[in-house]
Every structure is written in structure tokens, then in C-alpha cells.
Amino acid sequence: MSTPSNPKGVPLLDLKAQYEQVGPQIEQLALSVLRSGHYILGAVGKQLEESVAEICGTKYGVGVANGTDALELALWAANVGPGDEVITPSFTFAATAEAIAMRGARPVFIEVDPVTFNIDPEAIKSLVNAKTRAIIPVHLYGQSADMEPIMAFAERFGLKVIEDNAQAIGATYKGKPTGSFGHMSCISFYPTKNLGAAGDAGMIVTDDAELADRLRALRAHGMRTRYYHDEVGINSRLDEIQAAVLMAKLPHLKEWNEKRNEIAKWYAQAFKNVQGIIIPQVALRRSHVWHQYTIRVASTGAGRAAINRDDLAKELAARGIGSMCYYPVPCHLQKAFSQYGYRRGDLPVSELLAGEVLSLPMYPEMQEWHVKTVVGAIQEIINARMVAGFVPAPSVVAPI
């Protein structure tokens, strides 16, 4: 498709464009569910569990109400509770740490790698103690964490590993899919995800039959047989309508992820000569599914950008171009987790990233002109600041 003569801007995400592609299939499957009269824990949900487990390279899938419940239920099934500690990155959405806190355990925040934005495995050893029960690595923005050393540490110290695979379904690490490494893996099907429902939905995948059995009970009030409660559980079941939406989209996931990779390449090419912007990189022997295309607007050193991240986002919005900061405050500095005693400066890489990252439009229906519009606008904004007299900061040693 050629560039329109008058491009009007680019949204951060365009779910309507996706619906134009798969709407008829969604409506057909959803209507069949409505006509069936079976709306909870039915055949479509079971089919989805099997299909997602296969994508993740595991034996079992357990559908739940949302990705946050998936994390809490996985911790529950791993017997994590009061007095326990769970290692997880601070630079992630708060739900990961929230699930740990909801179990009465303490989130122990770990530093991240500045290139992949994921757990720095070298930092694990210093955080493990007698109270440590689990590690939750997050595959942030669509790229896998460095799972080999993480699993080695977990085996050495007898820890459970629960992958937060909310943003990276379909990604791989050394040829294996994300979700296939930990004892359990948690997925979100929030509408904005690469595989998104029409509301909240989630899933836990695992190779462990006993864990899968317990998860199924816990999601349904602790029942294995109706009205016989083996333990206290919660109500967190993936409904059949959401399962139908996801089953209609599932055949397109691989194609959509491949298109996201093509768009990421367009971005990399377009950004080649833009000063002050650090583009995302794919680590060796990993594949990326680009849930987000997240740049860093450099704030330190001789290569400092001519504009800060927040001002750039405002300037882009004024041009009709969507962007979003995921996430402006790392978990260890959030008010909700202040009781754990962290202070600014404790995790300098996470704090630096929180001030620099900006996610740009990324969805499979984008065309190359969309990318050129976005990057062209960024270049114009930076050029204007340079003309206005921006002077790069003196070279300093950055904290990464």
C-alpha cells in the first residue's frame, strides 16, 4: 500500500482493524456458543486450553478469568503463602507483584537487563535466602527472559519458576516456546495482547498433571466434584464467549506475530539516523513477538536526546500519533508496595528505564507508511529542538 497523500496520524493500537479481518469468524463462533446454552467450562474452552498448551509446548492448559488470577492461582498451587518470598522484576506491570502480595508473600524485586528489559539472572544469587520459594520471570514486551540460567538457579535452590508470559505468547528461547520452561506459565488474553479476547481472560499452562488438577479445582471454589469442596478456592473461570473469540483469532496468531516482526524491521531501518533514540534489540537465540515496540529516549551521556520522553509523547499526541509509557514507575517505588522498604536508587537500571521507555504504534495491520509517519514525526520533533539550541549533556558514566 502506498503512503496516503494526507496521513492523519497513527493510533497506538487499532483493534477495529483486526475485527474487520476476523469479525465474521468471531461472530459465528460466539453465536454458536450463545445458541448452545453452555456458557462456562464448555467444549470451546477445553479446545482453547488444548490449543494454547500446544503453542506453549506444554501438556495442560487451565483457563481462568484473567491474567492476574492466573498469576495468583499459580502461586497458590505452588503453596506460596505468608512469610515466603518471590523474586520478580520491578520493571513490569504491577499485577505480577500484586499477585505475590495477595498470597501474603513478599515480592523481592530484581534488577533487569537494559537491552532486553528482562530479569538479570546474575542478580538472582544475592537475593535467594531461606524464605525464597519462587521466581517469576516476565517476558516483557514480547521477548523471552534468559531462561537457561534462571532455571539453573531455581533447580540449585529448589525454587518454583512461574513464567509471566502475558506479553510473549508465540516467542521462543533457544528454539523452545515461552511458557515451556517453568513449572507453570501464566498468560493474559486482555484485548490489547497479541492474542486478545473481547474482555478479560487468562490461562495457566503446565506439564505437571498434579498442578493442572489443583489449578482446575482452585479456579472453581476448590471443587473437583460439584458441591464437594476439597479446599477453599475462588471463582475464576474462562467463559465460553471469550474462548470463542480467542479460538477465532488463534489461527491468525502466527501470521500476526510474523507481521509484527516485519513492522519492527521497518522501525529499525527508519530509526537508523535518528539521534538520541535507542531502539529495541533481539537477544541471540531468541525470537520476539513485539507485543510492544519500545524505544528509549536517552536521558544521559553524550548521546542524550534533544527532548525528554514525556515531552516527546506529548508532541506525538499533538500530531495524532499514539504512544504509551509501559511503565513510568517501577514496582519497587509504587505506593502499593511501599511497605517492603525499597527506596529510589535501589534498582538504578529499572529506574532509568522507567524514565526513558516509550512504546510506539505496533499492530499487525500497520503498513510501512504508518512507521514512516511515526519516525518522521519523531525526527521532526528532535530537529526542532536542535534548532532551538539543544546542547548535548557532557559524557557521563550511565548506570547501565
Foldseek 3Di string as FASTA:
>chain_A
DDFDPDDQAAAQDDVVVVCVVLVVQLVVLLVVCVVVPAKFPDDLLLVLQCVLLVLQVAHTKAKWQFQLVQLLLLCVLLVQAAQAEEEEALQAPCSNQVSNVVRNYHYDHAAADLFQRWGDLVRVVVVDDPRYAAYETENPQAWDDQQPSVLVVCVVVVHFYEYACQAHRNKDALPHHPQARTQKYKYWQDQLHLQHFPHTMIMMGHRDPVSNQQSNCQCPQCDPDPPDHPDGHHPITDISSRSSSRVSCVVCSVVFLVLLVVLLVLLCVLCVPAFQKAWHDHDPRIGGSRSWGKIFRACAFQRHFLDWDVVLQVLSVVSRFHKDQSALGGNCPDPVNCVVPDDPPPHQSSNNSSRTMMTGRTGSVDDSSNSNVSSVSSSVVRVVSVVVPRDGDHGDDGPD
